[in-house]
Structures are given as C-alpha cells and as structure tokens.
C-alpha cells in the first residue's frame, strides 16, 4: 500500500481484529510484485493499492495486481485519487472489484466517488439511511439526499476534461515532466523513476544541505507552491530513509507551462 489509502484499513483491522500487511517497494520506487505474490495466501481477503503513488508519482501495474489478487481469491481494491487528473480510468480494463476516487483531484469539488462490481455490491449489506433507494444498487450506499451542487461541479469537471481530450493532456504532461527530469539541477536528489515511463509528473526530491521545509519556504517566497513532508505516505518515505522530514514534492498538470517548469528549475538551482 502507498499513500493515503492505508489509514482506513488500519482502523478497520483494529476494530475487527484483522491483519494488515504491507508490500515492499524496490529501489526505483516501483511496487515489488514478487513480494506481493509471496505474501498472498488463502486467508487474504483484500489487496488495496493505488493507481499512482501520491508522494512519488510512480504508477502501478494494476492489471497484474488484480490478476494476483483474484488468483488468491481476494478483492482488488484500487485508489485512483492521485492518478485521476493524469489519465483515463477504465474499470473494466483494469478488472478491479472496487475503485475509489474524488473529483477534487481532477479540478472538481470535494466529493467521494466509488465503483463496485454489481454482484459484489448486491452481496453487501450497506449501513443505509432510509431515503437511499434499493435500486439502482449503487443508491444503497448513498447518503439519501444527494449533494446536488457538488454533483453539478463533478459533471462540469468531467465535461472539461472531455473537451480537452486525454491524448492532449497526457502528451503535454509527459513533456512537462521530462523537461523537469532532464534539467533538474545537481543540488537536487530525486526519489523515483528518472523518466516519464511508469509515472505521472509528481516528483519528490531533496535539495543538498537543506531541510524540505526550508526549501518549500524559499520557493514560496518566489511564489512557487510545493509541499514538504511525507504527504501521508509514511511507509514509502520510511522505506526510502527520508523520515522524519520527508521530501519536497512538486507536480505538474495540463495547465502548467514550460515557462513555469523552467522557473522552478531556476529557483532550485539558486538554493
């Protein structure tokens, strides 16, 4: 597990006396699928994983993870939040049983989105409020009176991305990310893949001789917004030896420009 999808499972395990295990990551920050395969047993019930790591930008082989989970008789449960602004999500192609997301990451409102296979949802008994309809089956898991203003924002965000087209979004983001990777100054150490293959344009790095918070503050003074810390991805940051300070995180999306990438690079070189 990587990123923000971990805490709910830990809380559920505490309440129900379940066991939660973690899959390792390799030196290049890709998921260790051999470790996953070794840890799967007939007792495994859920394999929860992100489509992209929120701290490092690394994507996962969702189809292979799903295949391994199903071979063990477990559910494949995907967290798509960080990946969502960077590419299309086809639950049928992925083969996952459950996928969770939120439009706030793809330029919409704070709202929870969930996909579940119909036969799976019909087998679950929801903690249901009385206004929530039995049919369609997804309605059983709703709040009753829906958040219509948030749903309107969600639809607008989807229409916006549809108007742009994913091909254009991904081509531009790959170019932005590769420009950052190719020109990153020598005083910065990147944690993660060094090309845009297998990642989204989210980058974790440290600047030589400076704490991540200090870097973030100096960039903020230049009106450049980045994060510092672990971004809730405690386990990957621990695995990389970056705790307790974590790293600096910078990211690009389709509306960023090459000039903004260059401004960030110049600022980092001046630190």
C-alpha atoms as a PDB file:
ATOM      1  CA  UNK A   1       0.000   0.000   0.000  1.00  0.00           C
ATOM      2  CA  UNK A   2       1.194   3.535  -0.732  1.00  0.00           C
ATOM      3  CA  UNK A   3      -0.231   6.944   0.027  1.00  0.00           C
ATOM      4  CA  UNK A   4      -3.459   7.916   1.726  1.00  0.00           C
ATOM      5  CA  UNK A   5      -5.399   4.675   1.277  1.00  0.00           C
ATOM      6  CA  UNK A   6      -3.819   2.957   4.273  1.00  0.00           C
ATOM      7  CA  UNK A   7      -5.347   4.505   7.406  1.00  0.00           C
ATOM      8  CA  UNK A   8      -8.949   3.269   6.897  1.00  0.00           C
ATOM      9  CA  UNK A   9      -7.703  -0.306   6.558  1.00  0.00           C
ATOM     10  CA  UNK A  10      -5.658   0.048   9.735  1.00  0.00           C
ATOM     11  CA  UNK A  11      -8.696   1.359  11.621  1.00  0.00           C
ATOM     12  CA  UNK A  12     -10.886  -1.461  10.271  1.00  0.00           C
ATOM     13  CA  UNK A  13      -8.249  -4.008  11.237  1.00  0.00           C
ATOM     14  CA  UNK A  14      -8.159  -2.582  14.758  1.00  0.00           C
ATOM     15  CA  UNK A  15     -11.940  -2.780  15.140  1.00  0.00           C
ATOM     16  CA  UNK A  16     -12.351  -6.271  13.684  1.00  0.00           C
ATOM     17  CA  UNK A  17      -9.064  -7.878  14.769  1.00  0.00           C
ATOM     18  CA  UNK A  18      -7.810  -8.251  11.214  1.00  0.00           C
ATOM     19  CA  UNK A  19      -4.250  -8.366   9.936  1.00  0.00           C
ATOM     20  CA  UNK A  20      -2.860  -5.761   7.531  1.00  0.00           C
ATOM     21  CA  UNK A  21       0.388  -6.467   5.690  1.00  0.00           C
ATOM     22  CA  UNK A  22       2.463  -4.175   3.508  1.00  0.00           C
ATOM     23  CA  UNK A  23       4.070  -4.836   0.146  1.00  0.00           C
ATOM     24  CA  UNK A  24       7.574  -3.527  -0.352  1.00  0.00           C
ATOM     25  CA  UNK A  25       8.843  -1.144  -2.989  1.00  0.00           C
ATOM     26  CA  UNK A  26      12.059  -1.541  -4.960  1.00  0.00           C
ATOM     27  CA  UNK A  27      14.928   0.937  -5.020  1.00  0.00           C
ATOM     28  CA  UNK A  28      13.387   2.654  -8.057  1.00  0.00           C
ATOM     29  CA  UNK A  29      10.096   3.035  -6.069  1.00  0.00           C
ATOM     30  CA  UNK A  30       8.134   0.542  -8.197  1.00  0.00           C
ATOM     31  CA  UNK A  31       5.975  -1.946  -6.342  1.00  0.00           C
ATOM     32  CA  UNK A  32       7.661  -5.284  -5.591  1.00  0.00           C
ATOM     33  CA  UNK A  33       5.186  -7.668  -7.202  1.00  0.00           C
ATOM     34  CA  UNK A  34       7.298 -10.684  -6.182  1.00  0.00           C
ATOM     35  CA  UNK A  35       6.805  -9.633  -2.570  1.00  0.00           C
ATOM     36  CA  UNK A  36       3.064  -9.316  -3.192  1.00  0.00           C
ATOM     37  CA  UNK A  37       2.885 -12.783  -4.732  1.00  0.00           C
ATOM     38  CA  UNK A  38       4.788 -14.308  -1.806  1.00  0.00           C
ATOM     39  CA  UNK A  39       2.547 -12.688   0.808  1.00  0.00           C
ATOM     40  CA  UNK A  40      -0.766 -13.677  -0.769  1.00  0.00           C
ATOM     41  CA  UNK A  41      -2.439 -16.651   0.912  1.00  0.00           C
ATOM     42  CA  UNK A  42      -5.881 -18.255   1.028  1.00  0.00           C
ATOM     43  CA  UNK A  43      -6.544 -16.002   4.029  1.00  0.00           C
ATOM     44  CA  UNK A  44      -6.063 -12.795   2.009  1.00  0.00           C
ATOM     45  CA  UNK A  45      -9.372 -11.001   1.529  1.00  0.00           C
ATOM     46  CA  UNK A  46      -8.453  -7.611   0.015  1.00  0.00           C
ATOM     47  CA  UNK A  47      -5.477  -6.269  -1.935  1.00  0.00           C
ATOM     48  CA  UNK A  48      -5.674  -2.472  -1.724  1.00  0.00           C
ATOM     49  CA  UNK A  49      -3.394  -0.420  -3.942  1.00  0.00           C
ATOM     50  CA  UNK A  50      -3.129   2.988  -5.664  1.00  0.00           C
ATOM     51  CA  UNK A  51      -3.027   3.523  -9.399  1.00  0.00           C
ATOM     52  CA  UNK A  52      -0.323   6.150  -8.757  1.00  0.00           C
ATOM     53  CA  UNK A  53       1.693   6.941  -5.629  1.00  0.00           C
ATOM     54  CA  UNK A  54       0.783  10.365  -4.325  1.00  0.00           C
ATOM     55  CA  UNK A  55       4.266  11.021  -2.937  1.00  0.00           C
ATOM     56  CA  UNK A  56       6.480   9.691  -5.726  1.00  0.00           C
ATOM     57  CA  UNK A  57       4.367   9.710  -8.878  1.00  0.00           C
ATOM     58  CA  UNK A  58       5.093   6.031  -9.590  1.00  0.00           C
ATOM     59  CA  UNK A  59       2.253   4.130 -11.238  1.00  0.00           C
ATOM     60  CA  UNK A  60       1.381   0.516 -10.528  1.00  0.00           C
ATOM     61  CA  UNK A  61       0.666  -2.464 -12.777  1.00  0.00           C
ATOM     62  CA  UNK A  62      -2.994  -2.572 -11.835  1.00  0.00           C
ATOM     63  CA  UNK A  63      -3.865  -5.417 -14.201  1.00  0.00           C
ATOM     64  CA  UNK A  64      -1.143  -7.659 -12.765  1.00  0.00           C
ATOM     65  CA  UNK A  65      -2.008  -6.783  -9.165  1.00  0.00           C
ATOM     66  CA  UNK A  66      -5.650  -7.566  -9.887  1.00  0.00           C
ATOM     67  CA  UNK A  67      -4.705 -10.864 -11.504  1.00  0.00           C
ATOM     68  CA  UNK A  68      -2.656 -11.901  -8.452  1.00  0.00           C
ATOM     69  CA  UNK A  69      -5.403 -10.806  -6.041  1.00  0.00           C
ATOM     70  CA  UNK A  70      -8.083 -12.769  -7.878  1.00  0.00           C
ATOM     71  CA  UNK A  71      -5.844 -15.863  -8.103  1.00  0.00           C
ATOM     72  CA  UNK A  72      -5.683 -15.786  -4.287  1.00  0.00           C
ATOM     73  CA  UNK A  73      -9.449 -15.331  -4.006  1.00  0.00           C
ATOM     74  CA  UNK A  74      -9.124 -11.724  -2.816  1.00  0.00           C
ATOM     75  CA  UNK A  75     -10.751  -8.476  -3.909  1.00  0.00           C
ATOM     76  CA  UNK A  76      -8.710  -5.960  -5.923  1.00  0.00           C
ATOM     77  CA  UNK A  77      -9.426  -2.542  -4.378  1.00  0.00           C
ATOM     78  CA  UNK A  78      -7.969   0.478  -6.200  1.00  0.00           C
ATOM     79  CA  UNK A  79      -7.366   4.036  -5.003  1.00  0.00           C
ATOM     80  CA  UNK A  80      -7.476   6.218  -8.121  1.00  0.00           C
ATOM     81  CA  UNK A  81      -7.314   9.636  -6.459  1.00  0.00           C
ATOM     82  CA  UNK A  82      -3.797  10.670  -7.427  1.00  0.00           C
ATOM     83  CA  UNK A  83      -3.922   9.146 -10.896  1.00  0.00           C
ATOM     84  CA  UNK A  84      -7.265  10.689 -11.879  1.00  0.00           C
ATOM     85  CA  UNK A  85      -6.032  14.084 -13.211  1.00  0.00           C
ATOM     86  CA  UNK A  86      -3.391  12.395 -15.349  1.00  0.00           C
ATOM     87  CA  UNK A  87      -5.219   9.772 -17.397  1.00  0.00           C
ATOM     88  CA  UNK A  88      -8.442   7.936 -18.197  1.00  0.00           C
ATOM     89  CA  UNK A  89      -9.672   5.203 -15.841  1.00  0.00           C
ATOM     90  CA  UNK A  90     -11.357   2.145 -17.344  1.00  0.00           C
ATOM     91  CA  UNK A  91     -12.531  -0.122 -14.525  1.00  0.00           C
ATOM     92  CA  UNK A  92     -13.429  -2.893 -16.991  1.00  0.00           C
ATOM     93  CA  UNK A  93      -9.926  -2.904 -18.474  1.00  0.00           C
ATOM     94  CA  UNK A  94      -8.321  -2.825 -15.033  1.00  0.00           C
ATOM     95  CA  UNK A  95     -10.531  -5.649 -13.806  1.00  0.00           C
ATOM     96  CA  UNK A  96     -10.751  -4.223 -10.290  1.00  0.00           C
ATOM     97  CA  UNK A  97     -13.603  -5.062  -7.930  1.00  0.00           C
ATOM     98  CA  UNK A  98     -13.739  -1.663  -6.229  1.00  0.00           C
ATOM     99  CA  UNK A  99     -12.295   1.711  -7.233  1.00  0.00           C
ATOM    100  CA  UNK A 100     -12.451   4.904  -5.189  1.00  0.00           C
ATOM    101  CA  UNK A 101     -11.742   8.438  -6.330  1.00  0.00           C
ATOM    102  CA  UNK A 102     -12.576  12.106  -5.723  1.00  0.00           C
ATOM    103  CA  UNK A 103     -13.163  14.918  -8.224  1.00  0.00           C
ATOM    104  CA  UNK A 104     -11.154  17.354  -6.115  1.00  0.00           C
ATOM    105  CA  UNK A 105      -8.011  15.920  -7.696  1.00  0.00           C
ATOM    106  CA  UNK A 106      -9.304  16.396 -11.245  1.00  0.00           C
ATOM    107  CA  UNK A 107     -10.430  20.004 -10.886  1.00  0.00           C
ATOM    108  CA  UNK A 108     -13.852  19.372  -9.354  1.00  0.00           C
ATOM    109  CA  UNK A 109     -15.361  19.587  -5.851  1.00  0.00           C
ATOM    110  CA  UNK A 110     -14.625  17.520  -2.758  1.00  0.00           C
ATOM    111  CA  UNK A 111     -16.863  14.513  -3.324  1.00  0.00           C
ATOM    112  CA  UNK A 112     -16.456  10.764  -2.916  1.00  0.00           C
ATOM    113  CA  UNK A 113     -16.799   8.547  -5.984  1.00  0.00           C
ATOM    114  CA  UNK A 114     -16.962   4.766  -5.838  1.00  0.00           C
ATOM    115  CA  UNK A 115     -17.210   1.972  -8.370  1.00  0.00           C
ATOM    116  CA  UNK A 116     -18.063  -1.575  -7.321  1.00  0.00           C
ATOM    117  CA  UNK A 117     -18.927  -4.658  -9.346  1.00  0.00           C
ATOM    118  CA  UNK A 118     -22.699  -5.074  -9.289  1.00  0.00           C
ATOM    119  CA  UNK A 119     -22.735  -8.616  -7.937  1.00  0.00           C
ATOM    120  CA  UNK A 120     -20.343  -7.563  -5.194  1.00  0.00           C
ATOM    121  CA  UNK A 121     -22.446  -4.564  -4.186  1.00  0.00           C
ATOM    122  CA  UNK A 122     -25.583  -6.723  -4.107  1.00  0.00           C
ATOM    123  CA  UNK A 123     -23.846  -9.112  -1.724  1.00  0.00           C
ATOM    124  CA  UNK A 124     -23.068  -6.372   0.815  1.00  0.00           C
ATOM    125  CA  UNK A 125     -25.456  -5.032   3.422  1.00  0.00           C
ATOM    126  CA  UNK A 126     -24.979  -1.256   3.490  1.00  0.00           C
ATOM    127  CA  UNK A 127     -25.328   0.888   6.602  1.00  0.00           C
ATOM    128  CA  UNK A 128     -28.258   2.549   4.916  1.00  0.00           C
ATOM    129  CA  UNK A 129     -30.279   5.675   5.611  1.00  0.00           C
ATOM    130  CA  UNK A 130     -33.969   5.310   4.768  1.00  0.00           C
ATOM    131  CA  UNK A 131     -34.133   7.775   1.849  1.00  0.00           C
ATOM    132  CA  UNK A 132     -31.457   5.779  -0.026  1.00  0.00           C
ATOM    133  CA  UNK A 133     -33.137   3.707  -2.734  1.00  0.00           C
ATOM    134  CA  UNK A 134     -32.590  -0.019  -3.179  1.00  0.00           C
ATOM    135  CA  UNK A 135     -32.274   0.377  -6.950  1.00  0.00           C
ATOM    136  CA  UNK A 136     -30.055   1.055  -8.721  1.00  0.00           C
ATOM    137  CA  UNK A 137     -27.809  -0.905  -6.399  1.00  0.00           C
ATOM    138  CA  UNK A 138     -25.279   1.911  -6.004  1.00  0.00           C
ATOM    139  CA  UNK A 139     -28.002   4.057  -4.450  1.00  0.00           C
ATOM    140  CA  UNK A 140     -27.985   1.840  -1.375  1.00  0.00           C
ATOM    141  CA  UNK A 141     -24.637   3.278  -0.394  1.00  0.00           C
ATOM    142  CA  UNK A 142     -25.597   6.930  -0.887  1.00  0.00           C
ATOM    143  CA  UNK A 143     -26.425   9.478   1.790  1.00  0.00           C
ATOM    144  CA  UNK A 144     -30.107   9.739   0.931  1.00  0.00           C
ATOM    145  CA  UNK A 145     -30.459  13.357  -0.204  1.00  0.00           C
ATOM    146  CA  UNK A 146     -27.602  13.772  -2.641  1.00  0.00           C
ATOM    147  CA  UNK A 147     -25.175  16.708  -2.698  1.00  0.00           C
ATOM    148  CA  UNK A 148     -26.585  18.093  -5.933  1.00  0.00           C
ATOM    149  CA  UNK A 149     -24.371  21.187  -6.069  1.00  0.00           C
ATOM    150  CA  UNK A 150     -21.258  19.002  -5.752  1.00  0.00           C
ATOM    151  CA  UNK A 151     -22.568  16.617  -8.398  1.00  0.00           C
ATOM    152  CA  UNK A 152     -23.047  19.578 -10.754  1.00  0.00           C
ATOM    153  CA  UNK A 153     -19.400  20.517 -10.202  1.00  0.00           C
ATOM    154  CA  UNK A 154     -18.362  16.922 -10.798  1.00  0.00           C
ATOM    155  CA  UNK A 155     -20.205  16.789 -14.126  1.00  0.00           C
ATOM    156  CA  UNK A 156     -18.609  20.093 -15.146  1.00  0.00           C
ATOM    157  CA  UNK A 157     -15.135  18.742 -14.332  1.00  0.00           C
ATOM    158  CA  UNK A 158     -15.780  15.627 -16.439  1.00  0.00           C
ATOM    159  CA  UNK A 159     -17.060  17.736 -19.331  1.00  0.00           C
ATOM    160  CA  UNK A 160     -13.987  19.964 -19.068  1.00  0.00           C
ATOM    161  CA  UNK A 161     -11.584  17.023 -19.302  1.00  0.00           C
ATOM    162  CA  UNK A 162     -13.624  15.515 -22.114  1.00  0.00           C
ATOM    163  CA  UNK A 163     -13.312  18.768 -24.050  1.00  0.00           C
ATOM    164  CA  UNK A 164      -9.528  18.739 -23.610  1.00  0.00           C
ATOM    165  CA  UNK A 165      -9.093  15.083 -24.524  1.00  0.00           C
ATOM    166  CA  UNK A 166      -6.809  12.715 -22.655  1.00  0.00           C
ATOM    167  CA  UNK A 167      -4.389  12.372 -25.547  1.00  0.00           C
ATOM    168  CA  UNK A 168      -3.561  16.087 -25.400  1.00  0.00           C
ATOM    169  CA  UNK A 169      -3.430  16.122 -21.594  1.00  0.00           C
ATOM    170  CA  UNK A 170      -1.043  13.198 -21.367  1.00  0.00           C
ATOM    171  CA  UNK A 171       1.234  14.383 -24.179  1.00  0.00           C
ATOM    172  CA  UNK A 172       1.649  17.809 -22.575  1.00  0.00           C
ATOM    173  CA  UNK A 173       2.175  16.407 -19.082  1.00  0.00           C
ATOM    174  CA  UNK A 174       4.799  13.947 -20.324  1.00  0.00           C
ATOM    175  CA  UNK A 175       6.659  16.800 -21.990  1.00  0.00           C
ATOM    176  CA  UNK A 176       6.497  18.956 -18.850  1.00  0.00           C
ATOM    177  CA  UNK A 177       7.662  16.110 -16.633  1.00  0.00           C
ATOM    178  CA  UNK A 178      10.514  15.084 -18.901  1.00  0.00           C
ATOM    179  CA  UNK A 179      11.710  18.688 -19.069  1.00  0.00           C
ATOM    180  CA  UNK A 180      11.894  18.742 -15.271  1.00  0.00           C
ATOM    181  CA  UNK A 181      13.699  15.392 -15.145  1.00  0.00           C
ATOM    182  CA  UNK A 182      16.189  16.322 -17.884  1.00  0.00           C
ATOM    183  CA  UNK A 183      17.101  19.681 -16.354  1.00  0.00           C
ATOM    184  CA  UNK A 184      16.915  19.024 -12.598  1.00  0.00           C
ATOM    185  CA  UNK A 185      19.906  20.780 -11.010  1.00  0.00           C
ATOM    186  CA  UNK A 186      22.761  18.781  -9.482  1.00  0.00           C
ATOM    187  CA  UNK A 187      21.961  20.062  -5.988  1.00  0.00           C
ATOM    188  CA  UNK A 188      18.680  18.096  -6.000  1.00  0.00           C
ATOM    189  CA  UNK A 189      18.289  14.357  -5.404  1.00  0.00           C
ATOM    190  CA  UNK A 190      15.205  12.813  -6.989  1.00  0.00           C
ATOM    191  CA  UNK A 191      13.420   9.862  -5.404  1.00  0.00           C
ATOM    192  CA  UNK A 192      11.598   7.875  -8.035  1.00  0.00           C
ATOM    193  CA  UNK A 193      11.739   6.956 -11.693  1.00  0.00           C
ATOM    194  CA  UNK A 194      14.061   9.095 -13.814  1.00  0.00           C
ATOM    195  CA  UNK A 195      11.945   9.063 -16.982  1.00  0.00           C
ATOM    196  CA  UNK A 196       8.240   9.638 -17.575  1.00  0.00           C
ATOM    197  CA  UNK A 197       7.711   5.955 -18.328  1.00  0.00           C
ATOM    198  CA  UNK A 198       5.769   4.394 -15.460  1.00  0.00           C
ATOM    199  CA  UNK A 199       4.982   7.615 -13.629  1.00  0.00           C
ATOM    200  CA  UNK A 200       2.883  10.740 -13.533  1.00  0.00           C
ATOM    201  CA  UNK A 201       4.504  14.220 -13.287  1.00  0.00           C
ATOM    202  CA  UNK A 202       4.708  14.263  -9.479  1.00  0.00           C
ATOM    203  CA  UNK A 203       8.248  14.497  -8.126  1.00  0.00           C
ATOM    204  CA  UNK A 204       9.757  14.002  -4.673  1.00  0.00           C
ATOM    205  CA  UNK A 205      13.242  15.384  -4.115  1.00  0.00           C
ATOM    206  CA  UNK A 206      15.623  16.901  -1.609  1.00  0.00           C
ATOM    207  CA  UNK A 207      17.995  19.819  -2.047  1.00  0.00           C
ATOM    208  CA  UNK A 208      21.529  19.326  -0.791  1.00  0.00           C
ATOM    209  CA  UNK A 209      22.135  20.718   2.696  1.00  0.00           C
ATOM    210  CA  UNK A 210      18.577  21.977   3.182  1.00  0.00           C
ATOM    211  CA  UNK A 211      15.571  20.628   5.053  1.00  0.00           C
ATOM    212  CA  UNK A 212      12.459  20.123   2.899  1.00  0.00           C
ATOM    213  CA  UNK A 213      10.560  22.745   4.909  1.00  0.00           C
ATOM    214  CA  UNK A 214      13.298  25.311   4.250  1.00  0.00           C
ATOM    215  CA  UNK A 215      13.171  24.575   0.514  1.00  0.00           C
ATOM    216  CA  UNK A 216       9.385  24.930   0.490  1.00  0.00           C
ATOM    217  CA  UNK A 217       9.579  28.255   2.332  1.00  0.00           C
ATOM    218  CA  UNK A 218      12.189  29.667  -0.040  1.00  0.00           C
ATOM    219  CA  UNK A 219      10.154  28.581  -3.073  1.00  0.00           C
ATOM    220  CA  UNK A 220       7.011  30.062  -1.528  1.00  0.00           C
ATOM    221  CA  UNK A 221       8.825  33.370  -1.227  1.00  0.00           C
ATOM    222  CA  UNK A 222       9.225  33.192  -5.012  1.00  0.00           C
ATOM    223  CA  UNK A 223       5.503  32.389  -5.409  1.00  0.00           C
ATOM    224  CA  UNK A 224       6.146  28.737  -6.279  1.00  0.00           C
ATOM    225  CA  UNK A 225       3.887  26.304  -4.442  1.00  0.00           C
ATOM    226  CA  UNK A 226       5.287  22.917  -3.370  1.00  0.00           C
ATOM    227  CA  UNK A 227       4.721  20.559  -0.434  1.00  0.00           C
ATOM    228  CA  UNK A 228       7.154  19.305   2.158  1.00  0.00           C
ATOM    229  CA  UNK A 229       6.855  16.299   4.456  1.00  0.00           C
ATOM    230  CA  UNK A 230       5.542  12.794   3.743  1.00  0.00           C
ATOM    231  CA  UNK A 231       2.123  13.724   2.230  1.00  0.00           C
ATOM    232  CA  UNK A 232       0.616  10.903   4.357  1.00  0.00           C
ATOM    233  CA  UNK A 233       2.800   8.325   2.570  1.00  0.00           C
ATOM    234  CA  UNK A 234       4.598   7.342   5.760  1.00  0.00           C
ATOM    235  CA  UNK A 235       5.651   3.845   4.693  1.00  0.00           C
ATOM    236  CA  UNK A 236       7.328   4.755   1.355  1.00  0.00           C
ATOM    237  CA  UNK A 237       9.118   7.682   2.983  1.00  0.00           C
ATOM    238  CA  UNK A 238      10.342   5.398   5.756  1.00  0.00           C
ATOM    239  CA  UNK A 239      11.444   2.784   3.204  1.00  0.00           C
ATOM    240  CA  UNK A 240      13.489   5.469   1.388  1.00  0.00           C
ATOM    241  CA  UNK A 241      15.089   6.673   4.645  1.00  0.00           C
ATOM    242  CA  UNK A 242      13.527  10.133   4.378  1.00  0.00           C
ATOM    243  CA  UNK A 243      11.719  10.354   7.707  1.00  0.00           C
ATOM    244  CA  UNK A 244      11.074  12.375   9.769  1.00  0.00           C
ATOM    245  CA  UNK A 245      11.405  15.330   7.367  1.00  0.00           C
ATOM    246  CA  UNK A 246      10.195  13.640   4.191  1.00  0.00           C
ATOM    247  CA  UNK A 247      10.947  15.382   0.914  1.00  0.00           C
ATOM    248  CA  UNK A 248       9.839  18.262  -1.270  1.00  0.00           C
ATOM    249  CA  UNK A 249       7.006  17.417  -3.662  1.00  0.00           C
ATOM    250  CA  UNK A 250       6.373  19.309  -6.892  1.00  0.00           C
ATOM    251  CA  UNK A 251       3.830  18.388  -9.523  1.00  0.00           C
ATOM    252  CA  UNK A 252       2.564  19.479 -12.916  1.00  0.00           C
ATOM    253  CA  UNK A 253      -0.803  19.123 -14.623  1.00  0.00           C
ATOM    254  CA  UNK A 254      -2.082  20.026 -18.067  1.00  0.00           C
ATOM    255  CA  UNK A 255      -2.497  23.748 -17.399  1.00  0.00           C
ATOM    256  CA  UNK A 256       1.124  24.250 -16.359  1.00  0.00           C
ATOM    257  CA  UNK A 257       3.567  25.724 -18.871  1.00  0.00           C
ATOM    258  CA  UNK A 258       7.159  25.072 -19.857  1.00  0.00           C
ATOM    259  CA  UNK A 259       7.991  28.547 -18.553  1.00  0.00           C
ATOM    260  CA  UNK A 260       6.702  27.534 -15.105  1.00  0.00           C
ATOM    261  CA  UNK A 261       8.835  24.387 -15.164  1.00  0.00           C
ATOM    262  CA  UNK A 262      11.870  26.487 -16.043  1.00  0.00           C
ATOM    263  CA  UNK A 263      11.063  28.965 -13.261  1.00  0.00           C
ATOM    264  CA  UNK A 264      11.000  26.131 -10.731  1.00  0.00           C
ATOM    265  CA  UNK A 265      14.281  24.707 -12.076  1.00  0.00           C
ATOM    266  CA  UNK A 266      15.973  28.101 -11.895  1.00  0.00           C
ATOM    267  CA  UNK A 267      14.771  28.630  -8.324  1.00  0.00           C
ATOM    268  CA  UNK A 268      16.075  25.211  -7.268  1.00  0.00           C
ATOM    269  CA  UNK A 269      19.445  25.891  -8.859  1.00  0.00           C
ATOM    270  CA  UNK A 270      19.680  29.135  -6.853  1.00  0.00           C
ATOM    271  CA  UNK A 271      19.053  27.498  -3.468  1.00  0.00           C
END
